[in-house]
PDB file of N, CA and C in Angstrom:
ATOM      1  N   MET A   1      52.545 120.382 105.987  1.00  0.00           N
ATOM      2  CA  MET A   1      52.043 118.736 105.065  1.00  0.00           C
ATOM      3  C   MET A   1      52.513 118.821 104.477  1.00  0.00           C
ATOM      4  N   PRO A   2      52.568 117.345 104.564  1.00  0.00           N
ATOM      5  CA  PRO A   2      54.108 116.661 103.649  1.00  0.00           C
ATOM      6  C   PRO A   2      52.792 116.184 102.100  1.00  0.00           C
ATOM      7  N   ASP A   3      53.348 116.712 100.708  1.00  0.00           N
ATOM      8  CA  ASP A   3      52.841 117.059  99.500  1.00  0.00           C
ATOM      9  C   ASP A   3      53.216 115.730  98.821  1.00  0.00           C
ATOM     10  N   THR A   4      54.700 115.656  98.534  1.00  0.00           N
ATOM     11  CA  THR A   4      54.955 114.545  97.542  1.00  0.00           C
ATOM     12  C   THR A   4      55.808 113.855  98.829  1.00  0.00           C
ATOM     13  N   ALA A   5      56.199 114.108  99.902  1.00  0.00           N
ATOM     14  CA  ALA A   5      56.892 113.689 100.873  1.00  0.00           C
ATOM     15  C   ALA A   5      56.262 112.333 101.419  1.00  0.00           C
ATOM     16  N   GLU A   6      57.486 111.275 101.672  1.00  0.00           N
ATOM     17  CA  GLU A   6      57.049 109.809 102.380  1.00  0.00           C
ATOM     18  C   GLU A   6      56.788 110.260 103.850  1.00  0.00           C
ATOM     19  N   VAL A   7      56.096 109.563 104.745  1.00  0.00           N
ATOM     20  CA  VAL A   7      55.753 109.944 106.321  1.00  0.00           C
ATOM     21  C   VAL A   7      56.964 108.751 107.037  1.00  0.00           C
ATOM     22  N   VAL A   8      58.042 109.012 106.847  1.00  0.00           N
ATOM     23  CA  VAL A   8      58.872 108.002 107.756  1.00  0.00           C
ATOM     24  C   VAL A   8      57.916 107.776 109.239  1.00  0.00           C
ATOM     25  N   VAL A   9      57.693 109.192 110.535  1.00  0.00           N
ATOM     26  CA  VAL A   9      57.739 108.758 111.247  1.00  0.00           C
ATOM     27  C   VAL A   9      56.590 109.913 111.949  1.00  0.00           C
ATOM     28  N   SER A  10      55.794 109.924 112.236  1.00  0.00           N
ATOM     29  CA  SER A  10      54.915 111.128 112.812  1.00  0.00           C
ATOM     30  C   SER A  10      54.953 111.342 114.844  1.00  0.00           C
ATOM     31  N   PHE A  11      54.654 112.136 114.629  1.00  0.00           N
ATOM     32  CA  PHE A  11      54.432 112.705 116.552  1.00  0.00           C
ATOM     33  C   PHE A  11      52.747 112.164 116.715  1.00  0.00           C
ATOM     34  N   ASP A  12      53.311 111.224 118.228  1.00  0.00           N
ATOM     35  CA  ASP A  12      51.682 110.419 118.317  1.00  0.00           C
ATOM     36  C   ASP A  12      51.602 111.525 119.666  1.00  0.00           C
ATOM     37  N   ASP A  13      50.926 112.717 119.640  1.00  0.00           N
ATOM     38  CA  ASP A  13      50.440 113.137 120.891  1.00  0.00           C
ATOM     39  C   ASP A  13      49.291 114.424 120.467  1.00  0.00           C
ATOM     40  N   SER A  14      48.519 114.692 121.304  1.00  0.00           N
ATOM     41  CA  SER A  14      47.282 115.362 120.962  1.00  0.00           C
ATOM     42  C   SER A  14      47.221 116.445 120.225  1.00  0.00           C
ATOM     43  N   HIS A  15      48.334 116.983 120.596  1.00  0.00           N
ATOM     44  CA  HIS A  15      48.445 118.308 120.240  1.00  0.00           C
ATOM     45  C   HIS A  15      49.520 118.753 118.731  1.00  0.00           C
ATOM     46  N   TRP A  16      50.448 117.855 118.936  1.00  0.00           N
ATOM     47  CA  TRP A  16      51.283 117.663 117.923  1.00  0.00           C
ATOM     48  C   TRP A  16      51.198 116.521 116.733  1.00  0.00           C
ATOM     49  N   ARG A  17      50.331 116.577 115.938  1.00  0.00           N
ATOM     50  CA  ARG A  17      49.686 115.726 114.895  1.00  0.00           C
ATOM     51  C   ARG A  17      50.452 116.342 113.179  1.00  0.00           C
ATOM     52  N   PHE A  18      51.445 115.761 113.390  1.00  0.00           N
ATOM     53  CA  PHE A  18      52.434 116.177 112.275  1.00  0.00           C
ATOM     54  C   PHE A  18      53.799 115.163 112.229  1.00  0.00           C
ATOM     55  N   PRO A  19      54.180 115.025 110.701  1.00  0.00           N
ATOM     56  CA  PRO A  19      55.258 114.138 110.673  1.00  0.00           C
ATOM     57  C   PRO A  19      56.711 114.929 111.297  1.00  0.00           C
ATOM     58  N   ALA A  20      57.791 114.011 112.069  1.00  0.00           N
ATOM     59  CA  ALA A  20      58.666 113.944 112.611  1.00  0.00           C
ATOM     60  C   ALA A  20      59.731 113.925 111.420  1.00  0.00           C
ATOM     61  N   ILE A  21      59.718 112.881 111.096  1.00  0.00           N
ATOM     62  CA  ILE A  21      60.700 112.320 109.825  1.00  0.00           C
ATOM     63  C   ILE A  21      59.474 112.119 108.745  1.00  0.00           C
ATOM     64  N   THR A  22      60.185 112.937 107.341  1.00  0.00           N
ATOM     65  CA  THR A  22      59.976 112.643 106.261  1.00  0.00           C
ATOM     66  C   THR A  22      60.882 112.034 104.941  1.00  0.00           C
ATOM     67  N   ARG A  23      61.246 111.594 104.331  1.00  0.00           N
ATOM     68  CA  ARG A  23      61.680 111.325 102.899  1.00  0.00           C
ATOM     69  C   ARG A  23      60.964 111.949 101.574  1.00  0.00           C
ATOM     70  N   ASN A  24      61.737 112.654 100.985  1.00  0.00           N
ATOM     71  CA  ASN A  24      61.207 112.757  99.173  1.00  0.00           C
ATOM     72  C   ASN A  24      62.016 112.975  98.170  1.00  0.00           C
ATOM     73  N   LYS A  25      61.782 112.204  97.541  1.00  0.00           N
ATOM     74  CA  LYS A  25      62.651 112.572  96.235  1.00  0.00           C
ATOM     75  C   LYS A  25      62.815 114.026  95.720  1.00  0.00           C
ATOM     76  N   TYR A  26      64.348 114.252  95.253  1.00  0.00           N
ATOM     77  CA  TYR A  26      64.912 115.736  94.633  1.00  0.00           C
ATOM     78  C   TYR A  26      65.635 115.368  93.607  1.00  0.00           C
ATOM     79  N   GLY A  27      65.404 115.709  92.390  1.00  0.00           N
ATOM     80  CA  GLY A  27      65.997 115.363  90.954  1.00  0.00           C
ATOM     81  C   GLY A  27      65.935 113.792  90.951  1.00  0.00           C
ATOM     82  N   SER A  28      67.594 113.498  91.319  1.00  0.00           N
ATOM     83  CA  SER A  28      67.876 111.935  91.208  1.00  0.00           C
ATOM     84  C   SER A  28      67.984 111.313  92.464  1.00  0.00           C
ATOM     85  N   GLY A  29      67.907 112.221  93.596  1.00  0.00           N
ATOM     86  CA  GLY A  29      68.480 111.742  95.080  1.00  0.00           C
ATOM     87  C   GLY A  29      67.092 111.333  95.878  1.00  0.00           C
ATOM     88  N   THR A  30      67.462 111.368  96.931  1.00  0.00           N
ATOM     89  CA  THR A  30      66.433 111.603  98.076  1.00  0.00           C
ATOM     90  C   THR A  30      66.845 112.294  99.054  1.00  0.00           C
ATOM     91  N   LEU A  31      66.075 113.262  99.877  1.00  0.00           N
ATOM     92  CA  LEU A  31      66.284 113.859 100.949  1.00  0.00           C
ATOM     93  C   LEU A  31      65.375 113.033 102.170  1.00  0.00           C
ATOM     94  N   THR A  32      65.808 112.883 103.092  1.00  0.00           N
ATOM     95  CA  THR A  32      65.132 112.857 104.621  1.00  0.00           C
ATOM     96  C   THR A  32      65.369 114.000 105.167  1.00  0.00           C
ATOM     97  N   TYR A  33      64.286 114.312 105.991  1.00  0.00           N
ATOM     98  CA  TYR A  33      64.084 115.550 106.737  1.00  0.00           C
ATOM     99  C   TYR A  33      63.784 115.386 107.990  1.00  0.00           C
ATOM    100  N   GLU A  34      64.930 115.676 108.938  1.00  0.00           N
ATOM    101  CA  GLU A  34      63.951 115.598 110.816  1.00  0.00           C
ATOM    102  C   GLU A  34      63.476 117.155 111.433  1.00  0.00           C
ATOM    103  N   GLY A  35      62.384 116.757 111.762  1.00  0.00           N
ATOM    104  CA  GLY A  35      61.980 118.214 112.518  1.00  0.00           C
ATOM    105  C   GLY A  35      61.177 117.584 113.697  1.00  0.00           C
ATOM    106  N   THR A  36      62.697 117.256 114.257  1.00  0.00           N
ATOM    107  CA  THR A  36      62.712 117.371 115.501  1.00  0.00           C
ATOM    108  C   THR A  36      63.807 116.819 116.115  1.00  0.00           C
ATOM    109  N   PHE A  37      64.302 116.711 117.669  1.00  0.00           N
ATOM    110  CA  PHE A  37      65.298 116.101 118.106  1.00  0.00           C
ATOM    111  C   PHE A  37      65.552 114.810 118.203  1.00  0.00           C
ATOM    112  N   LEU A  38      66.448 114.095 117.870  1.00  0.00           N
ATOM    113  CA  LEU A  38      66.722 112.708 118.638  1.00  0.00           C
ATOM    114  C   LEU A  38      67.428 112.260 119.126  1.00  0.00           C
ATOM    115  N   THR A  39      67.143 111.056 119.688  1.00  0.00           N
ATOM    116  CA  THR A  39      68.230 110.777 120.775  1.00  0.00           C
ATOM    117  C   THR A  39      69.390 110.256 120.105  1.00  0.00           C
ATOM    118  N   ASP A  40      70.148 109.578 120.505  1.00  0.00           N
ATOM    119  CA  ASP A  40      71.973 109.698 119.806  1.00  0.00           C
ATOM    120  C   ASP A  40      71.489 108.277 119.178  1.00  0.00           C
ATOM    121  N   PRO A  41      70.831 107.257 120.313  1.00  0.00           N
ATOM    122  CA  PRO A  41      71.389 106.225 118.830  1.00  0.00           C
ATOM    123  C   PRO A  41      69.933 105.832 118.396  1.00  0.00           C
ATOM    124  N   LEU A  42      68.653 106.702 118.132  1.00  0.00           N
ATOM    125  CA  LEU A  42      68.130 107.246 116.690  1.00  0.00           C
ATOM    126  C   LEU A  42      68.699 107.570 115.589  1.00  0.00           C
ATOM    127  N   GLN A  43      69.010 108.759 116.022  1.00  0.00           N
ATOM    128  CA  GLN A  43      69.611 109.350 115.234  1.00  0.00           C
ATOM    129  C   GLN A  43      70.795 108.777 114.154  1.00  0.00           C
ATOM    130  N   ARG A  44      71.612 107.680 114.900  1.00  0.00           N
ATOM    131  CA  ARG A  44      72.393 106.749 114.233  1.00  0.00           C
ATOM    132  C   ARG A  44      71.458 105.876 113.151  1.00  0.00           C
ATOM    133  N   GLU A  45      70.507 105.614 114.047  1.00  0.00           N
ATOM    134  CA  GLU A  45      69.760 104.637 113.199  1.00  0.00           C
ATOM    135  C   GLU A  45      68.967 104.950 111.688  1.00  0.00           C
ATOM    136  N   ILE A  46      68.933 106.295 112.120  1.00  0.00           N
ATOM    137  CA  ILE A  46      68.220 107.217 110.951  1.00  0.00           C
ATOM    138  C   ILE A  46      69.616 107.281 109.582  1.00  0.00           C
ATOM    139  N   ILE A  47      70.519 107.404 110.079  1.00  0.00           N
ATOM    140  CA  ILE A  47      71.209 107.777 109.401  1.00  0.00           C
ATOM    141  C   ILE A  47      71.980 106.281 108.469  1.00  0.00           C
ATOM    142  N   ARG A  48      72.176 105.115 109.297  1.00  0.00           N
ATOM    143  CA  ARG A  48      72.168 103.620 108.719  1.00  0.00           C
ATOM    144  C   ARG A  48      71.634 103.645 107.297  1.00  0.00           C
ATOM    145  N   GLU A  49      69.664 104.238 108.081  1.00  0.00           N
ATOM    146  CA  GLU A  49      69.315 103.892 106.764  1.00  0.00           C
ATOM    147  C   GLU A  49      68.953 104.570 105.897  1.00  0.00           C
ATOM    148  N   VAL A  50      69.452 106.198 105.421  1.00  0.00           N
ATOM    149  CA  VAL A  50      69.937 106.928 104.606  1.00  0.00           C
ATOM    150  C   VAL A  50      71.359 106.247 103.628  1.00  0.00           C
ATOM    151  N   LEU A  51      71.482 105.904 104.460  1.00  0.00           N
ATOM    152  CA  LEU A  51      73.411 105.096 104.000  1.00  0.00           C
ATOM    153  C   LEU A  51      73.001 103.820 103.363  1.00  0.00           C
ATOM    154  N   LYS A  52      71.668 102.959 103.661  1.00  0.00           N
ATOM    155  CA  LYS A  52      71.590 101.953 103.370  1.00  0.00           C
ATOM    156  C   LYS A  52      70.583 101.956 102.100  1.00  0.00           C
ATOM    157  N   ARG A  53      69.795 102.959 101.838  1.00  0.00           N
ATOM    158  CA  ARG A  53      69.240 103.070 101.019  1.00  0.00           C
ATOM    159  C   ARG A  53      69.985 103.441  99.822  1.00  0.00           C
ATOM    160  N   ALA A  54      70.935 104.987  99.826  1.00  0.00           N
ATOM    161  CA  ALA A  54      72.029 104.819  98.864  1.00  0.00           C
ATOM    162  C   ALA A  54      72.966 103.828  98.698  1.00  0.00           C
ATOM    163  N   ARG A  55      72.890 102.609  99.319  1.00  0.00           N
ATOM    164  CA  ARG A  55      73.756 101.896  98.822  1.00  0.00           C
ATOM    165  C   ARG A  55      75.377 102.024  98.787  1.00  0.00           C
ATOM    166  N   LEU A  56      75.457 102.728 100.040  1.00  0.00           N
ATOM    167  CA  LEU A  56      76.674 103.402 100.940  1.00  0.00           C
ATOM    168  C   LEU A  56      77.377 102.733 102.230  1.00  0.00           C
ATOM    169  N   THR A  57      76.400 101.096 102.672  1.00  0.00           N
ATOM    170  CA  THR A  57      76.727 100.406 103.576  1.00  0.00           C
ATOM    171  C   THR A  57      78.055  99.547 103.018  1.00  0.00           C
ATOM    172  N   GLY A  58      78.388  99.086 104.496  1.00  0.00           N
ATOM    173  CA  GLY A  58      78.940  97.752 104.018  1.00  0.00           C
ATOM    174  C   GLY A  58      79.574  97.036 105.161  1.00  0.00           C
ATOM    175  N   PRO A  59      80.259  96.022 105.681  1.00  0.00           N
ATOM    176  CA  PRO A  59      80.344  95.582 106.515  1.00  0.00           C
ATOM    177  C   PRO A  59      81.017  96.242 107.769  1.00  0.00           C
ATOM    178  N   ASP A  60      81.857  96.959 107.470  1.00  0.00           N
ATOM    179  CA  ASP A  60      81.756  97.910 108.832  1.00  0.00           C
ATOM    180  C   ASP A  60      80.958  98.766 109.435  1.00  0.00           C
ATOM    181  N   GLN A  61      80.148  98.950 109.031  1.00  0.00           N
ATOM    182  CA  GLN A  61      78.390  99.726 110.062  1.00  0.00           C
ATOM    183  C   GLN A  61      77.846  99.063 110.899  1.00  0.00           C
ATOM    184  N   SER A  62      78.364  97.019 110.544  1.00  0.00           N
ATOM    185  CA  SER A  62      77.488  96.511 112.233  1.00  0.00           C
ATOM    186  C   SER A  62      78.393  96.515 113.284  1.00  0.00           C
ATOM    187  N   LEU A  63      79.639  97.105 112.964  1.00  0.00           N
ATOM    188  CA  LEU A  63      80.602  96.899 114.245  1.00  0.00           C
ATOM    189  C   LEU A  63      80.074  97.673 115.788  1.00  0.00           C
ATOM    190  N   PRO A  64      80.833  97.151 116.787  1.00  0.00           N
ATOM    191  CA  PRO A  64      80.010  98.048 117.633  1.00  0.00           C
ATOM    192  C   PRO A  64      80.699  99.322 117.586  1.00  0.00           C
ATOM    193  N   GLY A  65      79.886 100.195 118.393  1.00  0.00           N
ATOM    194  CA  GLY A  65      80.154 101.252 118.172  1.00  0.00           C
ATOM    195  C   GLY A  65      81.759 101.953 118.865  1.00  0.00           C
ATOM    196  N   VAL A  66      82.105 101.253 119.472  1.00  0.00           N
ATOM    197  CA  VAL A  66      83.605 101.285 120.393  1.00  0.00           C
ATOM    198  C   VAL A  66      84.568 100.261 119.427  1.00  0.00           C
ATOM    199  N   VAL A  67      84.290  99.762 118.500  1.00  0.00           N
ATOM    200  CA  VAL A  67      85.034  99.199 117.548  1.00  0.00           C
ATOM    201  C   VAL A  67      85.115 100.191 116.385  1.00  0.00           C
ATOM    202  N   LYS A  68      86.369 100.660 116.499  1.00  0.00           N
ATOM    203  CA  LYS A  68      86.829 101.374 114.551  1.00  0.00           C
ATOM    204  C   LYS A  68      87.598 100.245 113.960  1.00  0.00           C
ATOM    205  N   VAL A  69      87.362 100.893 112.805  1.00  0.00           N
ATOM    206  CA  VAL A  69      88.344  99.964 111.640  1.00  0.00           C
ATOM    207  C   VAL A  69      88.790 101.232 110.650  1.00  0.00           C
ATOM    208  N   ARG A  70      90.100 100.689 110.162  1.00  0.00           N
ATOM    209  CA  ARG A  70      90.448 101.469 109.390  1.00  0.00           C
ATOM    210  C   ARG A  70      91.330 100.670 108.061  1.00  0.00           C
ATOM    211  N   HIS A  71      91.669 101.430 106.788  1.00  0.00           N
ATOM    212  CA  HIS A  71      91.912 100.097 105.622  1.00  0.00           C
ATOM    213  C   HIS A  71      92.578 100.932 105.512  1.00  0.00           C
ATOM    214  N   GLY A  72      94.105 100.444 104.515  1.00  0.00           N
ATOM    215  CA  GLY A  72      95.115 100.855 104.081  1.00  0.00           C
ATOM    216  C   GLY A  72      95.891  99.514 102.771  1.00  0.00           C
ATOM    217  N   ARG A  73      96.580 100.159 102.530  1.00  0.00           N
ATOM    218  CA  ARG A  73      98.104  99.076 101.939  1.00  0.00           C
ATOM    219  C   ARG A  73      99.547  99.277 102.456  1.00  0.00           C
ATOM    220  N   ASN A  74      99.618  97.971 102.205  1.00  0.00           N
ATOM    221  CA  ASN A  74     101.289  98.218 103.071  1.00  0.00           C
ATOM    222  C   ASN A  74     101.847  98.614 101.636  1.00  0.00           C
ATOM    223  N   ALA A  75     103.373  98.540 101.659  1.00  0.00           N
ATOM    224  CA  ALA A  75     104.757  98.982 100.206  1.00  0.00           C
ATOM    225  C   ALA A  75     104.082  98.026  99.470  1.00  0.00           C
ATOM    226  N   GLN A  76     103.531  96.439  99.855  1.00  0.00           N
ATOM    227  CA  GLN A  76     103.588  95.772  98.872  1.00  0.00           C
ATOM    228  C   GLN A  76     102.363  95.802  97.933  1.00  0.00           C
ATOM    229  N   GLY A  77     101.360  96.517  98.545  1.00  0.00           N
ATOM    230  CA  GLY A  77     100.064  96.919  97.534  1.00  0.00           C
ATOM    231  C   GLY A  77      98.601  95.867  98.865  1.00  0.00           C
ATOM    232  N   LYS A  78      99.142  95.164  99.222  1.00  0.00           N
ATOM    233  CA  LYS A  78      98.095  94.224  99.509  1.00  0.00           C
ATOM    234  C   LYS A  78      97.460  94.836 100.775  1.00  0.00           C
ATOM    235  N   MET A  79      96.631  94.951 100.909  1.00  0.00           N
ATOM    236  CA  MET A  79      95.307  95.339 101.949  1.00  0.00           C
ATOM    237  C   MET A  79      95.677  95.044 103.167  1.00  0.00           C
ATOM    238  N   LEU A  80      95.360  96.519 104.169  1.00  0.00           N
ATOM    239  CA  LEU A  80      95.533  95.945 105.571  1.00  0.00           C
ATOM    240  C   LEU A  80      94.003  96.364 106.284  1.00  0.00           C
ATOM    241  N   HIS A  81      94.311  95.217 107.312  1.00  0.00           N
ATOM    242  CA  HIS A  81      92.419  95.949 108.376  1.00  0.00           C
ATOM    243  C   HIS A  81      92.879  96.228 109.334  1.00  0.00           C
ATOM    244  N   TYR A  82      92.971  97.367 110.222  1.00  0.00           N
ATOM    245  CA  TYR A  82      93.076  98.037 110.990  1.00  0.00           C
ATOM    246  C   TYR A  82      91.736  97.797 111.983  1.00  0.00           C
ATOM    247  N   TYR A  83      91.938  96.516 113.470  1.00  0.00           N
ATOM    248  CA  TYR A  83      90.579  96.846 114.142  1.00  0.00           C
ATOM    249  C   TYR A  83      90.785  97.611 115.490  1.00  0.00           C
ATOM    250  N   LEU A  84      90.483  98.550 115.866  1.00  0.00           N
ATOM    251  CA  LEU A  84      91.065  98.850 117.167  1.00  0.00           C
ATOM    252  C   LEU A  84      89.295  99.048 117.980  1.00  0.00           C
ATOM    253  N   ASN A  85      89.909  98.582 119.524  1.00  0.00           N
ATOM    254  CA  ASN A  85      88.676  98.192 120.582  1.00  0.00           C
ATOM    255  C   ASN A  85      89.070  99.542 121.210  1.00  0.00           C
ATOM    256  N   PHE A  86      88.256 100.328 121.265  1.00  0.00           N
ATOM    257  CA  PHE A  86      87.957 102.313 122.478  1.00  0.00           C
ATOM    258  C   PHE A  86      87.356 101.545 123.568  1.00  0.00           C
ATOM    259  N   SER A  87      87.873 100.600 123.948  1.00  0.00           N
ATOM    260  CA  SER A  87      86.507 100.171 125.461  1.00  0.00           C
ATOM    261  C   SER A  87      87.570  99.439 126.247  1.00  0.00           C
ATOM    262  N   ASP A  88      86.671  99.031 127.846  1.00  0.00           N
ATOM    263  CA  ASP A  88      87.309  98.449 128.237  1.00  0.00           C
ATOM    264  C   ASP A  88      86.919  97.492 128.884  1.00  0.00           C
ATOM    265  N   ALA A  89      86.192  96.838 127.353  1.00  0.00           N
ATOM    266  CA  ALA A  89      85.212  95.485 127.928  1.00  0.00           C
ATOM    267  C   ALA A  89      85.905  94.595 126.310  1.00  0.00           C
ATOM    268  N   GLU A  90      86.664  93.530 126.187  1.00  0.00           N
ATOM    269  CA  GLU A  90      86.259  92.803 125.311  1.00  0.00           C
ATOM    270  C   GLU A  90      85.066  92.574 124.293  1.00  0.00           C
ATOM    271  N   GLN A  91      85.941  92.445 123.017  1.00  0.00           N
ATOM    272  CA  GLN A  91      84.825  93.233 121.601  1.00  0.00           C
ATOM    273  C   GLN A  91      85.136  91.990 121.203  1.00  0.00           C
ATOM    274  N   SER A  92      84.459  91.875 120.592  1.00  0.00           N
ATOM    275  CA  SER A  92      84.238  90.657 118.944  1.00  0.00           C
ATOM    276  C   SER A  92      83.734  90.914 117.914  1.00  0.00           C
ATOM    277  N   VAL A  93      84.464  90.476 116.627  1.00  0.00           N
ATOM    278  CA  VAL A  93      83.762  91.056 115.449  1.00  0.00           C
ATOM    279  C   VAL A  93      83.558  89.899 114.376  1.00  0.00           C
ATOM    280  N   SER A  94      83.158  89.993 113.685  1.00  0.00           N
ATOM    281  CA  SER A  94      83.377  89.129 112.434  1.00  0.00           C
ATOM    282  C   SER A  94      83.835  89.592 111.507  1.00  0.00           C
ATOM    283  N   TYR A  95      85.233  89.199 110.825  1.00  0.00           N
ATOM    284  CA  TYR A  95      85.752  89.294 109.920  1.00  0.00           C
ATOM    285  C   TYR A  95      85.271  89.142 108.652  1.00  0.00           C
ATOM    286  N   PRO A  96      85.014  90.232 108.130  1.00  0.00           N
ATOM    287  CA  PRO A  96      84.210  90.140 106.147  1.00  0.00           C
ATOM    288  C   PRO A  96      85.679  89.847 104.897  1.00  0.00           C
ATOM    289  N   TYR A  97      86.472  90.309 105.309  1.00  0.00           N
ATOM    290  CA  TYR A  97      87.089  90.250 103.855  1.00  0.00           C
ATOM    291  C   TYR A  97      88.171  89.442 103.775  1.00  0.00           C
ATOM    292  N   ARG A  98      88.426  89.490 102.635  1.00  0.00           N
ATOM    293  CA  ARG A  98      89.457  88.047 102.072  1.00  0.00           C
ATOM    294  C   ARG A  98      90.309  87.455 103.314  1.00  0.00           C
ATOM    295  N   GLU A  99      90.679  86.454 102.339  1.00  0.00           N
ATOM    296  CA  GLU A  99      91.595  85.596 103.866  1.00  0.00           C
ATOM    297  C   GLU A  99      92.599  86.384 104.256  1.00  0.00           C
ATOM    298  N   GLY A 100      93.353  85.999 105.025  1.00  0.00           N
ATOM    299  CA  GLY A 100      94.832  87.104 105.457  1.00  0.00           C
ATOM    300  C   GLY A 100      95.482  86.368 106.825  1.00  0.00           C
ATOM    301  N   ALA A 101      95.981  87.060 107.458  1.00  0.00           N
ATOM    302  CA  ALA A 101      97.034  86.833 108.302  1.00  0.00           C
ATOM    303  C   ALA A 101      97.080  88.348 109.378  1.00  0.00           C
ATOM    304  N   ASP A 102      96.966  87.658 110.643  1.00  0.00           N
ATOM    305  CA  ASP A 102      97.038  88.908 111.801  1.00  0.00           C
ATOM    306  C   ASP A 102      98.379  89.547 111.955  1.00  0.00           C
ATOM    307  N   VAL A 103      98.730  90.150 111.668  1.00  0.00           N
ATOM    308  CA  VAL A 103     100.355  90.868 111.617  1.00  0.00           C
ATOM    309  C   VAL A 103     100.450  90.434 113.098  1.00  0.00           C
ATOM    310  N   LEU A 104     100.118  90.843 113.993  1.00  0.00           N
ATOM    311  CA  LEU A 104     100.666  90.523 115.542  1.00  0.00           C
ATOM    312  C   LEU A 104     100.675  89.236 116.232  1.00  0.00           C
ATOM    313  N   SER A 105      99.956  88.056 115.672  1.00  0.00           N
ATOM    314  CA  SER A 105     100.220  87.042 115.996  1.00  0.00           C
ATOM    315  C   SER A 105     100.839  85.672 114.921  1.00  0.00           C
ATOM    316  N   ASN A 106     100.345  86.483 113.773  1.00  0.00           N
ATOM    317  CA  ASN A 106     100.632  85.887 112.457  1.00  0.00           C
ATOM    318  C   ASN A 106     100.085  84.422 112.264  1.00  0.00           C
ATOM    319  N   ALA A 107      98.531  84.431 112.949  1.00  0.00           N
ATOM    320  CA  ALA A 107      97.348  83.460 112.886  1.00  0.00           C
ATOM    321  C   ALA A 107      96.590  84.053 111.797  1.00  0.00           C
ATOM    322  N   ALA A 108      96.230  82.396 111.005  1.00  0.00           N
ATOM    323  CA  ALA A 108      95.217  82.513 109.950  1.00  0.00           C
ATOM    324  C   ALA A 108      94.046  83.141 110.086  1.00  0.00           C
ATOM    325  N   VAL A 109      93.723  84.196 109.077  1.00  0.00           N
ATOM    326  CA  VAL A 109      92.403  84.715 109.139  1.00  0.00           C
ATOM    327  C   VAL A 109      91.205  84.620 107.846  1.00  0.00           C
ATOM    328  N   ARG A 110      89.866  83.794 108.584  1.00  0.00           N
ATOM    329  CA  ARG A 110      89.430  83.776 107.123  1.00  0.00           C
ATOM    330  C   ARG A 110      87.605  84.804 107.111  1.00  0.00           C
ATOM    331  N   PRO A 111      87.460  84.935 106.021  1.00  0.00           N
ATOM    332  CA  PRO A 111      85.952  85.895 106.028  1.00  0.00           C
ATOM    333  C   PRO A 111      85.188  84.936 106.778  1.00  0.00           C
ATOM    334  N   GLY A 112      84.448  85.465 107.702  1.00  0.00           N
ATOM    335  CA  GLY A 112      83.365  85.320 108.797  1.00  0.00           C
ATOM    336  C   GLY A 112      83.841  84.707 109.824  1.00  0.00           C
ATOM    337  N   GLN A 113      85.520  84.549 110.367  1.00  0.00           N
ATOM    338  CA  GLN A 113      85.958  84.255 111.712  1.00  0.00           C
ATOM    339  C   GLN A 113      85.702  85.277 112.585  1.00  0.00           C
ATOM    340  N   THR A 114      85.671  84.688 113.745  1.00  0.00           N
ATOM    341  CA  THR A 114      85.753  86.206 114.804  1.00  0.00           C
ATOM    342  C   THR A 114      86.722  86.263 115.490  1.00  0.00           C
ATOM    343  N   LEU A 115      86.973  87.660 115.156  1.00  0.00           N
ATOM    344  CA  LEU A 115      88.645  88.267 115.614  1.00  0.00           C
ATOM    345  C   LEU A 115      87.876  88.643 117.651  1.00  0.00           C
ATOM    346  N   LYS A 116      88.716  88.623 118.209  1.00  0.00           N
ATOM    347  CA  LYS A 116      88.536  89.058 119.243  1.00  0.00           C
ATOM    348  C   LYS A 116      89.555  90.269 120.061  1.00  0.00           C
ATOM    349  N   LEU A 117      88.738  91.167 120.559  1.00  0.00           N
ATOM    350  CA  LEU A 117      89.718  92.232 120.612  1.00  0.00           C
ATOM    351  C   LEU A 117      90.175  92.388 122.464  1.00  0.00           C
ATOM    352  N   ARG A 118      91.088  92.585 122.947  1.00  0.00           N
ATOM    353  CA  ARG A 118      91.009  92.469 124.295  1.00  0.00           C
ATOM    354  C   ARG A 118      91.096  94.079 124.638  1.00  0.00           C
ATOM    355  N   PRO A 119      90.564  94.557 125.396  1.00  0.00           N
ATOM    356  CA  PRO A 119      90.242  95.648 126.088  1.00  0.00           C
ATOM    357  C   PRO A 119      91.820  96.524 125.289  1.00  0.00           C
ATOM    358  N   TRP A 120      91.296  98.128 124.698  1.00  0.00           N
ATOM    359  CA  TRP A 120      91.887  98.758 124.210  1.00  0.00           C
ATOM    360  C   TRP A 120      92.969  98.121 123.614  1.00  0.00           C
ATOM    361  N   ASP A 121      92.991  96.799 122.963  1.00  0.00           N
ATOM    362  CA  ASP A 121      93.598  96.503 121.749  1.00  0.00           C
ATOM    363  C   ASP A 121      93.803  96.574 120.457  1.00  0.00           C
ATOM    364  N   LEU A 122      94.319  96.030 119.263  1.00  0.00           N
ATOM    365  CA  LEU A 122      93.633  96.247 117.947  1.00  0.00           C
ATOM    366  C   LEU A 122      94.263  94.576 117.543  1.00  0.00           C
ATOM    367  N   ALA A 123      93.746  94.934 116.076  1.00  0.00           N
ATOM    368  CA  ALA A 123      94.274  93.541 115.206  1.00  0.00           C
ATOM    369  C   ALA A 123      94.240  94.421 113.829  1.00  0.00           C
ATOM    370  N   ILE A 124      94.878  93.423 113.257  1.00  0.00           N
ATOM    371  CA  ILE A 124      95.876  94.001 111.869  1.00  0.00           C
ATOM    372  C   ILE A 124      95.483  92.674 110.945  1.00  0.00           C
ATOM    373  N   VAL A 125      95.315  92.734 110.059  1.00  0.00           N
ATOM    374  CA  VAL A 125      94.644  91.893 109.506  1.00  0.00           C
ATOM    375  C   VAL A 125      95.774  92.438 107.922  1.00  0.00           C
ATOM    376  N   VAL A 126      96.263  91.278 107.064  1.00  0.00           N
ATOM    377  CA  VAL A 126      96.601  91.763 105.923  1.00  0.00           C
ATOM    378  C   VAL A 126      96.241  90.980 104.940  1.00  0.00           C
ATOM    379  N   GLU A 127      95.731  90.897 104.023  1.00  0.00           N
ATOM    380  CA  GLU A 127      95.254  90.388 103.132  1.00  0.00           C
ATOM    381  C   GLU A 127      96.152  89.162 102.282  1.00  0.00           C
ATOM    382  N   GLN A 128      96.194  87.983 101.862  1.00  0.00           N
ATOM    383  CA  GLN A 128      96.749  87.267 101.363  1.00  0.00           C
ATOM    384  C   GLN A 128      96.756  87.343  99.540  1.00  0.00           C
TER     385      GLN A 128
END
């Protein structure tokens, strides 16, 4: 039974009436305890919530699961954002960073602009 923990969700069963997931403060941090097996989508949501509460999230967490992004700097010190589509379907993502240019097409890219990624394709944006 939770003493100091916040109950996030409980089992809804006549025989299993106890918390399934709790959150408890410990020192200067917070721990989330899972007392059950979660589906992959629910596990992802729990992890996203934990990261959000820890202020460790950013725009990359809202990408479709099949789109990966990596960041780096080129020899001139400019930020690069690599978007990779690991699927057989076209994907659209909203570009959240500073103005730049698509390295492969030389097209201008602005914050909030939609990038369309063909199946198994990529976009590389260099910030200006």
